């Protein structure tokens, strides 16, 4: 399945954000702060993998593709 450039950019940015949150959590001394950032990263990962969210990104990607033509 081919995905639009918009979708690829969205997925890549989300992955980078999740990675950054986990790395920030790993650098902290406070276990409570680590849990909060790890939980935020996990929640973001769950959200971007929901079918309704993926469909919304797909629709936005089609809209931006239509603007360029």
PDB file of N, CA and C in Angstrom:
ATOM      1  N   UNK A   1       0.842  -1.177   0.000  1.00  0.00           N
ATOM      2  CA  UNK A   1       0.000   0.000   0.000  1.00  0.00           C
ATOM      3  C   UNK A   1       0.892   1.247   0.000  1.00  0.00           C
ATOM      4  N   UNK A   2       0.635   2.122  -0.929  1.00  0.00           N
ATOM      5  CA  UNK A   2       1.380   3.376  -0.995  1.00  0.00           C
ATOM      6  C   UNK A   2       0.723   4.399  -0.092  1.00  0.00           C
ATOM      7  N   UNK A   3       1.551   5.143   0.618  1.00  0.00           N
ATOM      8  CA  UNK A   3       1.007   6.208   1.448  1.00  0.00           C
ATOM      9  C   UNK A   3       1.515   7.537   0.924  1.00  0.00           C
ATOM     10  N   UNK A   4       0.754   8.560   1.203  1.00  0.00           N
ATOM     11  CA  UNK A   4       1.115   9.883   0.692  1.00  0.00           C
ATOM     12  C   UNK A   4       2.333  10.426   1.423  1.00  0.00           C
ATOM     13  N   UNK A   5       2.922  11.427   0.816  1.00  0.00           N
ATOM     14  CA  UNK A   5       4.066  12.095   1.424  1.00  0.00           C
ATOM     15  C   UNK A   5       3.669  12.702   2.774  1.00  0.00           C
ATOM     16  N   UNK A   6       2.450  13.212   2.836  1.00  0.00           N
ATOM     17  CA  UNK A   6       1.935  13.793   4.081  1.00  0.00           C
ATOM     18  C   UNK A   6       1.887  12.733   5.177  1.00  0.00           C
ATOM     19  N   UNK A   7       1.320  11.565   4.849  1.00  0.00           N
ATOM     20  CA  UNK A   7       1.226  10.492   5.837  1.00  0.00           C
ATOM     21  C   UNK A   7       2.605  10.029   6.294  1.00  0.00           C
ATOM     22  N   UNK A   8       3.533   9.894   5.352  1.00  0.00           N
ATOM     23  CA  UNK A   8       4.892   9.470   5.703  1.00  0.00           C
ATOM     24  C   UNK A   8       5.538  10.487   6.635  1.00  0.00           C
ATOM     25  N   UNK A   9       5.393  11.765   6.324  1.00  0.00           N
ATOM     26  CA  UNK A   9       5.947  12.807   7.186  1.00  0.00           C
ATOM     27  C   UNK A   9       5.331  12.796   8.568  1.00  0.00           C
ATOM     28  N   UNK A  10       4.023  12.582   8.615  1.00  0.00           N
ATOM     29  CA  UNK A  10       3.305  12.539   9.891  1.00  0.00           C
ATOM     30  C   UNK A  10       3.807  11.372  10.734  1.00  0.00           C
ATOM     31  N   UNK A  11       3.909  10.189  10.121  1.00  0.00           N
ATOM     32  CA  UNK A  11       4.382   9.006  10.845  1.00  0.00           C
ATOM     33  C   UNK A  11       5.817   9.177  11.321  1.00  0.00           C
ATOM     34  N   UNK A  12       6.667   9.705  10.462  1.00  0.00           N
ATOM     35  CA  UNK A  12       8.068   9.905  10.838  1.00  0.00           C
ATOM     36  C   UNK A  12       8.194  10.891  11.997  1.00  0.00           C
ATOM     37  N   UNK A  13       7.426  11.978  11.933  1.00  0.00           N
ATOM     38  CA  UNK A  13       7.474  12.977  13.008  1.00  0.00           C
ATOM     39  C   UNK A  13       6.964  12.385  14.323  1.00  0.00           C
ATOM     40  N   UNK A  14       5.900  11.601  14.253  1.00  0.00           N
ATOM     41  CA  UNK A  14       5.358  10.981  15.463  1.00  0.00           C
ATOM     42  C   UNK A  14       6.376  10.014  16.073  1.00  0.00           C
ATOM     43  N   UNK A  15       7.035   9.239  15.238  1.00  0.00           N
ATOM     44  CA  UNK A  15       8.060   8.309  15.745  1.00  0.00           C
ATOM     45  C   UNK A  15       9.213   9.062  16.397  1.00  0.00           C
ATOM     46  N   UNK A  16       9.634  10.155  15.766  1.00  0.00           N
ATOM     47  CA  UNK A  16      10.718  10.950  16.346  1.00  0.00           C
ATOM     48  C   UNK A  16      10.314  11.531  17.696  1.00  0.00           C
ATOM     49  N   UNK A  17       9.070  11.993  17.800  1.00  0.00           N
ATOM     50  CA  UNK A  17       8.588  12.552  19.058  1.00  0.00           C
ATOM     51  C   UNK A  17       8.538  11.485  20.147  1.00  0.00           C
ATOM     52  N   UNK A  18       8.058  10.322  19.817  1.00  0.00           N
ATOM     53  CA  UNK A  18       7.986   9.226  20.787  1.00  0.00           C
ATOM     54  C   UNK A  18       9.398   8.848  21.249  1.00  0.00           C
ATOM     55  N   UNK A  19      10.319   8.751  20.307  1.00  0.00           N
ATOM     56  CA  UNK A  19      11.717   8.434  20.646  1.00  0.00           C
ATOM     57  C   UNK A  19      12.303   9.506  21.550  1.00  0.00           C
ATOM     58  N   UNK A  20      12.053  10.761  21.209  1.00  0.00           N
ATOM     59  CA  UNK A  20      12.571  11.870  22.013  1.00  0.00           C
ATOM     60  C   UNK A  20      12.019  11.820  23.439  1.00  0.00           C
ATOM     61  N   UNK A  21      10.722  11.544  23.587  1.00  0.00           N
ATOM     62  CA  UNK A  21      10.124  11.462  24.927  1.00  0.00           C
ATOM     63  C   UNK A  21      10.792  10.353  25.746  1.00  0.00           C
ATOM     64  N   UNK A  22      10.994   9.189  25.132  1.00  0.00           N
ATOM     65  CA  UNK A  22      11.649   8.087  25.849  1.00  0.00           C
ATOM     66  C   UNK A  22      13.091   8.438  26.221  1.00  0.00           C
ATOM     67  N   UNK A  23      13.798   9.105  25.311  1.00  0.00           N
ATOM     68  CA  UNK A  23      15.181   9.495  25.615  1.00  0.00           C
ATOM     69  C   UNK A  23      15.240  10.519  26.743  1.00  0.00           C
ATOM     70  N   UNK A  24      14.330  11.472  26.732  1.00  0.00           N
ATOM     71  CA  UNK A  24      14.264  12.459  27.813  1.00  0.00           C
ATOM     72  C   UNK A  24      13.956  11.774  29.138  1.00  0.00           C
ATOM     73  N   UNK A  25      13.027  10.822  29.096  1.00  0.00           N
ATOM     74  CA  UNK A  25      12.684  10.088  30.319  1.00  0.00           C
ATOM     75  C   UNK A  25      13.901   9.344  30.861  1.00  0.00           C
ATOM     76  N   UNK A  26      14.666   8.727  29.973  1.00  0.00           N
ATOM     77  CA  UNK A  26      15.841   7.958  30.392  1.00  0.00           C
ATOM     78  C   UNK A  26      16.906   8.852  31.022  1.00  0.00           C
ATOM     79  N   UNK A  27      16.922  10.120  30.644  1.00  0.00           N
ATOM     80  CA  UNK A  27      17.947  11.018  31.174  1.00  0.00           C
ATOM     81  C   UNK A  27      17.577  11.626  32.527  1.00  0.00           C
ATOM     82  N   UNK A  28      16.380  11.362  33.017  1.00  0.00           N
ATOM     83  CA  UNK A  28      15.908  11.983  34.258  1.00  0.00           C
ATOM     84  C   UNK A  28      16.224  11.111  35.466  1.00  0.00           C
ATOM     85  N   UNK A  29      16.450  11.778  36.585  1.00  0.00           N
ATOM     86  CA  UNK A  29      16.713  11.073  37.848  1.00  0.00           C
ATOM     87  C   UNK A  29      15.429  10.761  38.605  1.00  0.00           C
ATOM     88  N   UNK A  30      14.406  11.537  38.388  1.00  0.00           N
ATOM     89  CA  UNK A  30      13.144  11.392  39.119  1.00  0.00           C
ATOM     90  C   UNK A  30      12.296  10.285  38.476  1.00  0.00           C
ATOM     91  N   UNK A  31      12.042   9.189  39.204  1.00  0.00           N
ATOM     92  CA  UNK A  31      11.268   8.090  38.619  1.00  0.00           C
ATOM     93  C   UNK A  31       9.842   8.510  38.235  1.00  0.00           C
ATOM     94  N   UNK A  32       9.267   9.431  38.998  1.00  0.00           N
ATOM     95  CA  UNK A  32       7.920   9.907  38.674  1.00  0.00           C
ATOM     96  C   UNK A  32       7.929  10.647  37.334  1.00  0.00           C
ATOM     97  N   UNK A  33       8.913  11.490  37.115  1.00  0.00           N
ATOM     98  CA  UNK A  33       9.036  12.215  35.846  1.00  0.00           C
ATOM     99  C   UNK A  33       9.264  11.246  34.693  1.00  0.00           C
ATOM    100  N   UNK A  34      10.076  10.225  34.921  1.00  0.00           N
ATOM    101  CA  UNK A  34      10.310   9.212  33.870  1.00  0.00           C
ATOM    102  C   UNK A  34       9.012   8.516  33.495  1.00  0.00           C
ATOM    103  N   UNK A  35       8.239   8.138  34.507  1.00  0.00           N
ATOM    104  CA  UNK A  35       6.971   7.461  34.238  1.00  0.00           C
ATOM    105  C   UNK A  35       6.014   8.357  33.462  1.00  0.00           C
ATOM    106  N   UNK A  36       5.989   9.634  33.793  1.00  0.00           N
ATOM    107  CA  UNK A  36       5.097  10.568  33.092  1.00  0.00           C
ATOM    108  C   UNK A  36       5.483  10.663  31.616  1.00  0.00           C
ATOM    109  N   UNK A  37       6.779  10.855  31.332  1.00  0.00           N
ATOM    110  CA  UNK A  37       7.203  10.975  29.938  1.00  0.00           C
ATOM    111  C   UNK A  37       7.044   9.658  29.177  1.00  0.00           C
ATOM    112  N   UNK A  38       7.371   8.547  29.815  1.00  0.00           N
ATOM    113  CA  UNK A  38       7.170   7.259  29.161  1.00  0.00           C
ATOM    114  C   UNK A  38       5.683   7.012  28.900  1.00  0.00           C
ATOM    115  N   UNK A  39       4.841   7.406  29.842  1.00  0.00           N
ATOM    116  CA  UNK A  39       3.392   7.266  29.655  1.00  0.00           C
ATOM    117  C   UNK A  39       2.879   8.141  28.527  1.00  0.00           C
ATOM    118  N   UNK A  40       3.427   9.355  28.412  1.00  0.00           N
ATOM    119  CA  UNK A  40       3.033  10.243  27.320  1.00  0.00           C
ATOM    120  C   UNK A  40       3.438   9.641  25.976  1.00  0.00           C
ATOM    121  N   UNK A  41       4.629   9.087  25.904  1.00  0.00           N
ATOM    122  CA  UNK A  41       5.099   8.459  24.664  1.00  0.00           C
ATOM    123  C   UNK A  41       4.223   7.265  24.307  1.00  0.00           C
ATOM    124  N   UNK A  42       3.896   6.462  25.313  1.00  0.00           N
ATOM    125  CA  UNK A  42       3.037   5.306  25.077  1.00  0.00           C
ATOM    126  C   UNK A  42       1.657   5.748  24.591  1.00  0.00           C
ATOM    127  N   UNK A  43       1.085   6.745  25.255  1.00  0.00           N
ATOM    128  CA  UNK A  43      -0.235   7.244  24.860  1.00  0.00           C
ATOM    129  C   UNK A  43      -0.238   7.790  23.446  1.00  0.00           C
ATOM    130  N   UNK A  44       0.811   8.489  23.070  1.00  0.00           N
ATOM    131  CA  UNK A  44       0.917   9.002  21.711  1.00  0.00           C
ATOM    132  C   UNK A  44       0.996   7.854  20.714  1.00  0.00           C
ATOM    133  N   UNK A  45       1.779   6.841  21.042  1.00  0.00           N
ATOM    134  CA  UNK A  45       1.879   5.672  20.161  1.00  0.00           C
ATOM    135  C   UNK A  45       0.550   4.975  19.983  1.00  0.00           C
ATOM    136  N   UNK A  46      -0.204   4.850  21.056  1.00  0.00           N
ATOM    137  CA  UNK A  46      -1.531   4.231  20.969  1.00  0.00           C
ATOM    138  C   UNK A  46      -2.447   5.075  20.091  1.00  0.00           C
ATOM    139  N   UNK A  47      -2.417   6.386  20.316  1.00  0.00           N
ATOM    140  CA  UNK A  47      -3.304   7.276  19.564  1.00  0.00           C
ATOM    141  C   UNK A  47      -3.018   7.228  18.068  1.00  0.00           C
ATOM    142  N   UNK A  48      -1.749   7.305  17.673  1.00  0.00           N
ATOM    143  CA  UNK A  48      -1.459   7.354  16.239  1.00  0.00           C
ATOM    144  C   UNK A  48      -1.712   6.021  15.546  1.00  0.00           C
ATOM    145  N   UNK A  49      -1.875   4.950  16.307  1.00  0.00           N
ATOM    146  CA  UNK A  49      -2.149   3.645  15.704  1.00  0.00           C
ATOM    147  C   UNK A  49      -3.621   3.264  15.699  1.00  0.00           C
ATOM    148  N   UNK A  50      -4.491   4.131  16.205  1.00  0.00           N
ATOM    149  CA  UNK A  50      -5.920   3.848  16.157  1.00  0.00           C
ATOM    150  C   UNK A  50      -6.417   3.996  14.719  1.00  0.00           C
ATOM    151  N   UNK A  51      -7.284   3.095  14.278  1.00  0.00           N
ATOM    152  CA  UNK A  51      -7.780   3.160  12.892  1.00  0.00           C
ATOM    153  C   UNK A  51      -8.442   4.500  12.545  1.00  0.00           C
ATOM    154  N   UNK A  52      -9.205   5.061  13.473  1.00  0.00           N
ATOM    155  CA  UNK A  52      -9.879   6.332  13.172  1.00  0.00           C
ATOM    156  C   UNK A  52      -8.873   7.475  13.022  1.00  0.00           C
ATOM    157  N   UNK A  53      -7.792   7.420  13.768  1.00  0.00           N
ATOM    158  CA  UNK A  53      -6.761   8.447  13.651  1.00  0.00           C
ATOM    159  C   UNK A  53      -6.002   8.290  12.333  1.00  0.00           C
ATOM    160  N   UNK A  54      -5.680   7.054  11.979  1.00  0.00           N
ATOM    161  CA  UNK A  54      -5.004   6.806  10.711  1.00  0.00           C
ATOM    162  C   UNK A  54      -5.853   7.282   9.545  1.00  0.00           C
ATOM    163  N   UNK A  55      -7.151   7.051   9.629  1.00  0.00           N
ATOM    164  CA  UNK A  55      -8.061   7.491   8.560  1.00  0.00           C
ATOM    165  C   UNK A  55      -8.086   9.018   8.479  1.00  0.00           C
ATOM    166  N   UNK A  56      -8.091   9.693   9.612  1.00  0.00           N
ATOM    167  CA  UNK A  56      -8.092  11.159   9.618  1.00  0.00           C
ATOM    168  C   UNK A  56      -6.827  11.705   8.969  1.00  0.00           C
ATOM    169  N   UNK A  57      -5.692  11.084   9.246  1.00  0.00           N
ATOM    170  CA  UNK A  57      -4.427  11.513   8.633  1.00  0.00           C
ATOM    171  C   UNK A  57      -4.471  11.258   7.129  1.00  0.00           C
ATOM    172  N   UNK A  58      -5.035  10.127   6.743  1.00  0.00           N
ATOM    173  CA  UNK A  58      -5.168   9.816   5.317  1.00  0.00           C
ATOM    174  C   UNK A  58      -6.022  10.868   4.603  1.00  0.00           C
ATOM    175  N   UNK A  59      -7.117  11.254   5.225  1.00  0.00           N
ATOM    176  CA  UNK A  59      -7.998  12.267   4.630  1.00  0.00           C
ATOM    177  C   UNK A  59      -7.277  13.606   4.523  1.00  0.00           C
ATOM    178  N   UNK A  60      -6.563  14.000   5.582  1.00  0.00           N
ATOM    179  CA  UNK A  60      -5.800  15.257   5.525  1.00  0.00           C
ATOM    180  C   UNK A  60      -4.739  15.203   4.444  1.00  0.00           C
ATOM    181  N   UNK A  61      -4.108  14.050   4.280  1.00  0.00           N
ATOM    182  CA  UNK A  61      -3.097  13.892   3.235  1.00  0.00           C
ATOM    183  C   UNK A  61      -3.688  14.041   1.851  1.00  0.00           C
ATOM    184  N   UNK A  62      -4.891  13.524   1.646  1.00  0.00           N
ATOM    185  CA  UNK A  62      -5.558  13.677   0.354  1.00  0.00           C
ATOM    186  C   UNK A  62      -5.921  15.126   0.108  1.00  0.00           C
ATOM    187  N   UNK A  63      -6.326  15.813   1.151  1.00  0.00           N
ATOM    188  CA  UNK A  63      -6.698  17.223   1.025  1.00  0.00           C
ATOM    189  C   UNK A  63      -5.489  18.058   0.624  1.00  0.00           C
ATOM    190  N   UNK A  64      -4.348  17.807   1.262  1.00  0.00           N
ATOM    191  CA  UNK A  64      -3.154  18.588   0.931  1.00  0.00           C
ATOM    192  C   UNK A  64      -2.649  18.248  -0.474  1.00  0.00           C
ATOM    193  N   UNK A  65      -2.834  17.002  -0.913  1.00  0.00           N
ATOM    194  CA  UNK A  65      -2.422  16.606  -2.270  1.00  0.00           C
ATOM    195  C   UNK A  65      -3.299  17.312  -3.303  1.00  0.00           C
ATOM    196  N   UNK A  66      -4.583  17.468  -3.000  1.00  0.00           N
ATOM    197  CA  UNK A  66      -5.504  18.141  -3.917  1.00  0.00           C
ATOM    198  C   UNK A  66      -5.190  19.621  -4.036  1.00  0.00           C
ATOM    199  N   UNK A  67      -4.676  20.228  -2.990  1.00  0.00           N
ATOM    200  CA  UNK A  67      -4.318  21.648  -3.026  1.00  0.00           C
ATOM    201  C   UNK A  67      -3.158  21.909  -3.962  1.00  0.00           C
ATOM    202  N   UNK A  68      -2.231  20.964  -4.049  1.00  0.00           N
ATOM    203  CA  UNK A  68      -1.022  21.163  -4.848  1.00  0.00           C
ATOM    204  C   UNK A  68      -1.285  21.043  -6.334  1.00  0.00           C
ATOM    205  N   UNK A  69      -2.325  20.357  -6.732  1.00  0.00           N
ATOM    206  CA  UNK A  69      -2.590  20.174  -8.170  1.00  0.00           C
ATOM    207  C   UNK A  69      -3.443  21.269  -8.728  1.00  0.00           C
TER     208      UNK A  69
END
